[in-house]
Amino acid sequence: MKRILVPTDFSEQAENALKVALKIANKHNSEIFVLHSMEMPLHLATSSDSGSLPESLFFIKLAEKRFIDLRQKPYLNGITLNEAIGHNEIYEDIEEACKKNNIDLIVMGSNGASGFKEMFVGSNTEKVVRTSKIPVLVIKNNHQEFDIKDFVFATDFSEEGRIALRKAQSFAEKVGARMHLLFVNTPAGFKTSAQAQEIMENFVRGMAVENYTLNIYNDTAVEKGILNFAKHINAQLIGMGTHGRKGISHFFNGSISEDMVNHANMPVITFKI
């Protein structure tokens, strides 16, 4: 985790993410890249008219001023930030920044989304989780400390879930966390304890996973099971793989990882499958 990207809209949630990114950077001697995607009015973003240039410059100058104000924050005293301003959709700017700067981890703030907004619009963080090939760590609150000791990794233990597990294992090793692999047993897909145990053991066989536990938790829904188990063991982080569904598939099927990003009150990290 030598290069960390923090997208910002200069909100309180974005600052919470930046503070966590700084704590990670201090432990791993990482560089911090801060990206602001400008939210210009549509007619300016799409216009080729030279007459709109003064208005566009106004938004650029406003973003630069907000970066100046950010650097005055006491917690950034003596810290070097690599700053950039994007001009496209946030997920496009992030993808470009990740490629350009060889980013290892994205840390984003979020206050979640719910109801109509969640279904039809979704949060910017959710869009990034859905599209990013780089692990995304989502921060909801201000953390005085960010010391991950117990890391819940929830999976359906399918073959493709091994891809996310490898990435999760690498992250857990870097932060020195014990990983708790979780099988949520629900009425809709009920397995006996013996069946679930066999599924989990087959899943990790040959994966060279270290410092982990296998866990079965019964609940009425997968999302509730993940949250309740994490609370039960007092975990500091929830991790999941994400398929990055788009379009009609996403609308009807949704994604547990995106639901967790929206609804969990603790940090969530996602790994692209």
Protein backbone atom coordinates (compact mmCIF):
# COMPACT_ATOMS: atom_id res chain seq x y z
CA MET A 1 0.00 0.00 0.00
CA LYS A 2 2.59 2.49 -1.11
CA ARG A 3 0.18 4.74 -3.03
CA ILE A 4 -3.23 5.67 -1.60
CA LEU A 5 -5.88 7.65 -3.46
CA VAL A 6 -8.44 9.72 -1.53
CA PRO A 7 -11.27 11.19 -3.63
CA THR A 8 -12.68 14.30 -1.98
CA ASP A 9 -15.62 16.66 -2.25
CA PHE A 10 -14.20 18.51 0.80
CA SER A 11 -17.05 17.25 2.99
CA GLU A 12 -16.74 16.00 6.56
CA GLN A 13 -17.04 12.42 5.31
CA ALA A 14 -14.19 12.96 2.83
CA GLU A 15 -12.02 14.39 5.61
CA ASN A 16 -12.74 11.33 7.75
CA ALA A 17 -11.43 9.19 4.89
CA LEU A 18 -8.35 11.38 4.46
CA LYS A 19 -7.52 11.08 8.16
CA VAL A 20 -7.73 7.28 7.95
CA ALA A 21 -5.58 7.31 4.80
CA LEU A 22 -2.97 9.34 6.69
CA LYS A 23 -2.95 6.80 9.54
CA ILE A 24 -2.40 3.99 7.04
CA ALA A 25 0.27 6.02 5.23
CA ASN A 26 2.17 6.64 8.47
CA LYS A 27 2.38 2.88 9.11
CA HIS A 28 3.35 1.91 5.57
CA ASN A 29 5.30 4.97 4.43
CA SER A 30 2.74 5.56 1.69
CA GLU A 31 2.17 8.49 -0.66
CA ILE A 32 -1.23 10.20 -0.52
CA PHE A 33 -2.98 11.33 -3.71
CA VAL A 34 -6.06 13.51 -3.27
CA LEU A 35 -8.50 13.85 -6.17
CA HIS A 36 -11.40 16.26 -6.57
CA SER A 37 -13.85 15.69 -9.42
CA MET A 38 -15.44 19.01 -10.32
CA GLU A 39 -19.21 19.08 -10.41
CA MET A 40 -19.67 21.68 -13.11
CA PRO A 41 -23.10 22.39 -14.58
CA LEU A 42 -23.85 20.13 -17.53
CA HIS A 43 -23.82 22.93 -20.09
CA LEU A 44 -20.24 23.80 -19.08
CA ALA A 45 -18.99 20.24 -18.94
CA THR A 46 -20.24 19.46 -22.45
CA SER A 47 -19.83 22.84 -24.18
CA SER A 48 -17.07 23.61 -26.69
CA ASP A 49 -18.11 27.27 -26.76
CA SER A 50 -15.17 29.52 -25.86
CA GLY A 51 -17.68 31.85 -24.22
CA SER A 52 -18.16 29.34 -21.42
CA LEU A 53 -14.45 29.41 -20.57
CA PRO A 54 -14.72 32.13 -17.86
CA GLU A 55 -17.38 30.09 -16.07
CA SER A 56 -15.27 26.94 -16.30
CA LEU A 57 -12.27 28.78 -14.90
CA PHE A 58 -14.41 29.91 -11.99
CA PHE A 59 -15.08 26.30 -10.99
CA ILE A 60 -11.40 25.40 -11.38
CA LYS A 61 -10.34 28.36 -9.20
CA LEU A 62 -12.98 27.40 -6.64
CA ALA A 63 -11.55 23.85 -6.45
CA GLU A 64 -8.02 25.24 -6.08
CA LYS A 65 -9.20 27.51 -3.24
CA ARG A 66 -10.79 24.56 -1.46
CA PHE A 67 -7.50 22.64 -1.72
CA ILE A 68 -5.72 25.64 -0.17
CA ASP A 69 -8.24 25.66 2.68
CA LEU A 70 -7.81 21.90 3.15
CA ARG A 71 -4.04 22.21 3.47
CA GLN A 72 -4.53 24.67 6.35
CA LYS A 73 -6.10 21.96 8.50
CA PRO A 74 -3.95 21.27 11.59
CA TYR A 75 -3.88 17.49 10.99
CA LEU A 76 -2.17 18.11 7.63
CA ASN A 77 0.67 20.16 9.07
CA GLY A 78 3.90 18.94 7.48
CA ILE A 79 2.08 16.40 5.27
CA THR A 80 2.69 16.28 1.53
CA LEU A 81 -0.41 15.72 -0.60
CA ASN A 82 -0.37 15.04 -4.33
CA GLU A 83 -3.41 16.99 -5.50
CA ALA A 84 -5.38 16.68 -8.74
CA ILE A 85 -8.61 18.03 -10.18
CA GLY A 86 -10.73 15.81 -12.42
CA HIS A 87 -13.23 16.93 -15.03
CA ASN A 88 -15.24 13.74 -15.72
CA GLU A 89 -17.56 11.47 -13.75
CA ILE A 90 -15.96 10.58 -10.44
CA TYR A 91 -15.46 6.89 -11.28
CA GLU A 92 -13.80 7.86 -14.58
CA ASP A 93 -11.47 10.32 -12.85
CA ILE A 94 -10.59 7.70 -10.23
CA GLU A 95 -9.87 5.03 -12.83
CA GLU A 96 -7.58 7.44 -14.70
CA ALA A 97 -5.81 8.51 -11.49
CA CYS A 98 -5.29 4.87 -10.45
CA LYS A 99 -3.67 4.00 -13.76
CA LYS A 100 -1.55 7.15 -13.89
CA ASN A 101 -0.25 6.87 -10.31
CA ASN A 102 -0.20 3.08 -9.86
CA ILE A 103 -2.59 3.30 -6.90
CA ASP A 104 -2.75 0.37 -4.44
CA LEU A 105 -5.74 1.44 -2.32
CA ILE A 106 -8.66 3.88 -2.59
CA VAL A 107 -10.00 5.35 0.65
CA MET A 108 -13.39 7.07 0.36
CA GLY A 109 -15.80 8.70 2.76
CA SER A 110 -19.51 8.00 2.60
CA ASN A 111 -22.67 8.75 4.50
CA GLY A 112 -24.51 6.05 2.57
CA ALA A 113 -27.70 6.21 0.55
CA SER A 114 -31.15 4.84 1.11
CA GLY A 115 -34.61 4.58 -0.32
CA PHE A 116 -35.33 6.26 -3.65
CA LYS A 117 -31.84 7.74 -3.89
CA GLU A 118 -30.16 4.37 -3.37
CA MET A 119 -32.33 2.61 -5.97
CA PHE A 120 -32.27 5.16 -8.77
CA VAL A 121 -29.18 7.27 -8.21
CA GLY A 122 -26.82 5.58 -5.78
CA SER A 123 -23.95 7.25 -3.95
CA ASN A 124 -20.70 8.20 -5.63
CA THR A 125 -18.98 5.72 -3.35
CA GLU A 126 -21.26 2.95 -4.54
CA LYS A 127 -20.43 3.78 -8.16
CA VAL A 128 -16.73 3.57 -7.41
CA VAL A 129 -17.13 0.27 -5.53
CA ARG A 130 -19.01 -1.11 -8.53
CA THR A 131 -16.39 -0.13 -11.10
CA SER A 132 -13.00 0.00 -9.37
CA LYS A 133 -10.40 -2.68 -10.02
CA ILE A 134 -8.46 -1.35 -7.00
CA PRO A 135 -9.57 -2.23 -3.43
CA VAL A 136 -11.89 0.44 -2.03
CA LEU A 137 -11.92 1.17 1.71
CA VAL A 138 -15.11 3.02 2.68
CA ILE A 139 -15.08 5.15 5.83
CA LYS A 140 -18.28 6.38 7.51
CA ASN A 141 -17.06 7.98 10.73
CA ASN A 142 -14.19 9.83 12.33
CA HIS A 143 -11.62 7.34 13.70
CA GLN A 144 -9.20 8.49 16.37
CA GLU A 145 -7.32 5.25 15.77
CA PHE A 146 -7.41 2.88 12.81
CA ASP A 147 -5.91 -0.36 14.05
CA ILE A 148 -7.42 -3.41 12.35
CA LYS A 149 -7.07 -6.52 14.49
CA ASP A 150 -10.16 -8.51 13.44
CA PHE A 151 -11.24 -8.43 9.81
CA VAL A 152 -14.47 -10.17 8.74
CA PHE A 153 -14.34 -11.41 5.15
CA ALA A 154 -17.78 -12.51 3.97
CA THR A 155 -18.07 -14.67 0.86
CA ASP A 156 -20.38 -17.19 -0.80
CA PHE A 157 -17.38 -19.58 -0.98
CA SER A 158 -17.82 -20.00 -4.73
CA GLU A 159 -14.85 -20.63 -7.02
CA GLU A 160 -14.71 -17.01 -8.21
CA GLY A 161 -14.70 -15.87 -4.58
CA ARG A 162 -11.12 -17.16 -4.36
CA ILE A 163 -10.00 -14.13 -6.42
CA ALA A 164 -11.31 -11.74 -3.79
CA LEU A 165 -9.96 -13.92 -0.97
CA ARG A 166 -6.40 -13.67 -2.30
CA LYS A 167 -6.69 -9.87 -2.36
CA ALA A 168 -8.27 -9.82 1.09
CA GLN A 169 -5.53 -12.06 2.48
CA SER A 170 -2.86 -9.76 1.08
CA PHE A 171 -4.54 -6.75 2.70
CA ALA A 172 -4.94 -8.56 6.05
CA GLU A 173 -1.25 -9.48 6.07
CA LYS A 174 -0.22 -5.90 5.38
CA VAL A 175 -2.28 -4.45 8.23
CA GLY A 176 -1.52 -7.35 10.59
CA ALA A 177 -5.16 -8.42 10.98
CA ARG A 178 -6.68 -11.80 11.75
CA MET A 179 -9.18 -12.70 9.02
CA HIS A 180 -12.51 -14.28 9.94
CA LEU A 181 -14.04 -16.01 6.92
CA LEU A 182 -17.81 -15.94 7.22
CA PHE A 183 -20.56 -18.18 5.83
CA VAL A 184 -23.99 -16.66 6.48
CA ASN A 185 -26.62 -19.37 6.68
CA THR A 186 -30.09 -18.09 5.70
CA PRO A 187 -33.47 -19.83 5.40
CA ALA A 188 -33.45 -19.29 1.63
CA GLY A 189 -30.16 -21.15 1.16
CA PHE A 190 -29.98 -23.25 4.29
CA LYS A 191 -27.04 -25.62 4.81
CA THR A 192 -26.45 -27.91 7.74
CA SER A 193 -23.44 -27.09 9.88
CA ALA A 194 -21.60 -30.08 8.41
CA GLN A 195 -22.39 -28.99 4.85
CA ALA A 196 -21.31 -25.40 5.49
CA GLN A 197 -18.10 -26.54 7.20
CA GLU A 198 -17.23 -28.77 4.24
CA ILE A 199 -17.87 -25.92 1.79
CA MET A 200 -15.56 -23.60 3.73
CA GLU A 201 -12.78 -26.16 4.14
CA ASN A 202 -12.85 -26.99 0.43
CA PHE A 203 -12.75 -23.28 -0.34
CA VAL A 204 -9.54 -22.57 1.58
CA ARG A 205 -7.80 -25.84 0.70
CA GLY A 206 -4.64 -25.11 -1.28
CA MET A 207 -4.98 -21.33 -0.80
CA ALA A 208 -2.15 -21.07 1.77
CA VAL A 209 -4.35 -18.85 3.93
CA GLU A 210 -2.82 -17.98 7.29
CA ASN A 211 -4.06 -16.35 10.50
CA TYR A 212 -7.76 -16.99 9.87
CA THR A 213 -10.87 -18.58 11.33
CA LEU A 214 -13.86 -20.27 9.64
CA ASN A 215 -17.28 -19.17 10.88
CA ILE A 216 -20.93 -20.09 10.30
CA TYR A 217 -23.55 -17.53 11.34
CA ASN A 218 -27.32 -18.06 11.08
CA ASP A 219 -29.53 -15.09 10.24
CA THR A 220 -32.59 -14.10 8.23
CA ALA A 221 -30.59 -12.35 5.47
CA VAL A 222 -26.97 -12.25 4.33
CA GLU A 223 -26.48 -8.55 4.99
CA LYS A 224 -27.93 -8.78 8.51
CA GLY A 225 -25.78 -11.83 9.21
CA ILE A 226 -22.58 -10.06 8.20
CA LEU A 227 -23.36 -7.00 10.33
CA ASN A 228 -24.47 -9.03 13.35
CA PHE A 229 -21.46 -11.36 13.24
CA ALA A 230 -19.04 -8.42 12.89
CA LYS A 231 -20.67 -6.79 15.90
CA HIS A 232 -20.61 -10.08 17.83
CA ILE A 233 -16.83 -10.48 17.53
CA ASN A 234 -16.17 -6.73 17.80
CA ALA A 235 -14.50 -6.60 14.37
CA GLN A 236 -13.04 -3.35 13.07
CA LEU A 237 -13.52 -4.01 9.35
CA ILE A 238 -15.81 -5.90 6.95
CA GLY A 239 -14.46 -7.10 3.60
CA MET A 240 -16.25 -8.49 0.55
CA GLY A 241 -15.77 -9.22 -3.12
CA THR A 242 -17.82 -7.32 -5.67
CA HIS A 243 -18.91 -8.38 -9.14
CA GLY A 244 -19.30 -4.83 -10.44
CA ARG A 245 -22.73 -5.44 -11.88
CA LYS A 246 -24.05 -2.73 -14.15
CA GLY A 247 -27.25 -1.79 -15.88
CA ILE A 248 -30.34 -3.98 -15.69
CA SER A 249 -28.51 -6.79 -13.88
CA HIS A 250 -27.52 -4.43 -11.08
CA PHE A 251 -31.01 -2.96 -10.86
CA PHE A 252 -32.74 -6.31 -10.34
CA ASN A 253 -30.07 -8.32 -8.54
CA GLY A 254 -28.26 -5.64 -6.62
CA SER A 255 -24.99 -6.35 -4.86
CA ILE A 256 -24.46 -7.32 -1.23
CA SER A 257 -21.15 -5.43 -1.18
CA GLU A 258 -22.82 -2.21 -2.34
CA ASP A 259 -25.59 -2.69 0.23
CA MET A 260 -22.92 -3.05 2.91
CA VAL A 261 -21.23 0.15 1.74
CA ASN A 262 -24.53 1.97 2.09
CA HIS A 263 -25.77 0.47 5.34
CA ALA A 264 -22.82 -0.62 7.50
CA ASN A 265 -21.74 1.82 10.18
CA MET A 266 -18.20 0.44 10.29
CA PRO A 267 -15.45 0.53 7.63
CA VAL A 268 -15.99 -1.74 4.62
CA ILE A 269 -13.38 -2.77 2.06
CA THR A 270 -14.29 -4.27 -1.31
CA PHE A 271 -12.19 -6.32 -3.72
CA LYS A 272 -13.09 -6.70 -7.40
CA ILE A 273 -13.76 -10.28 -8.52
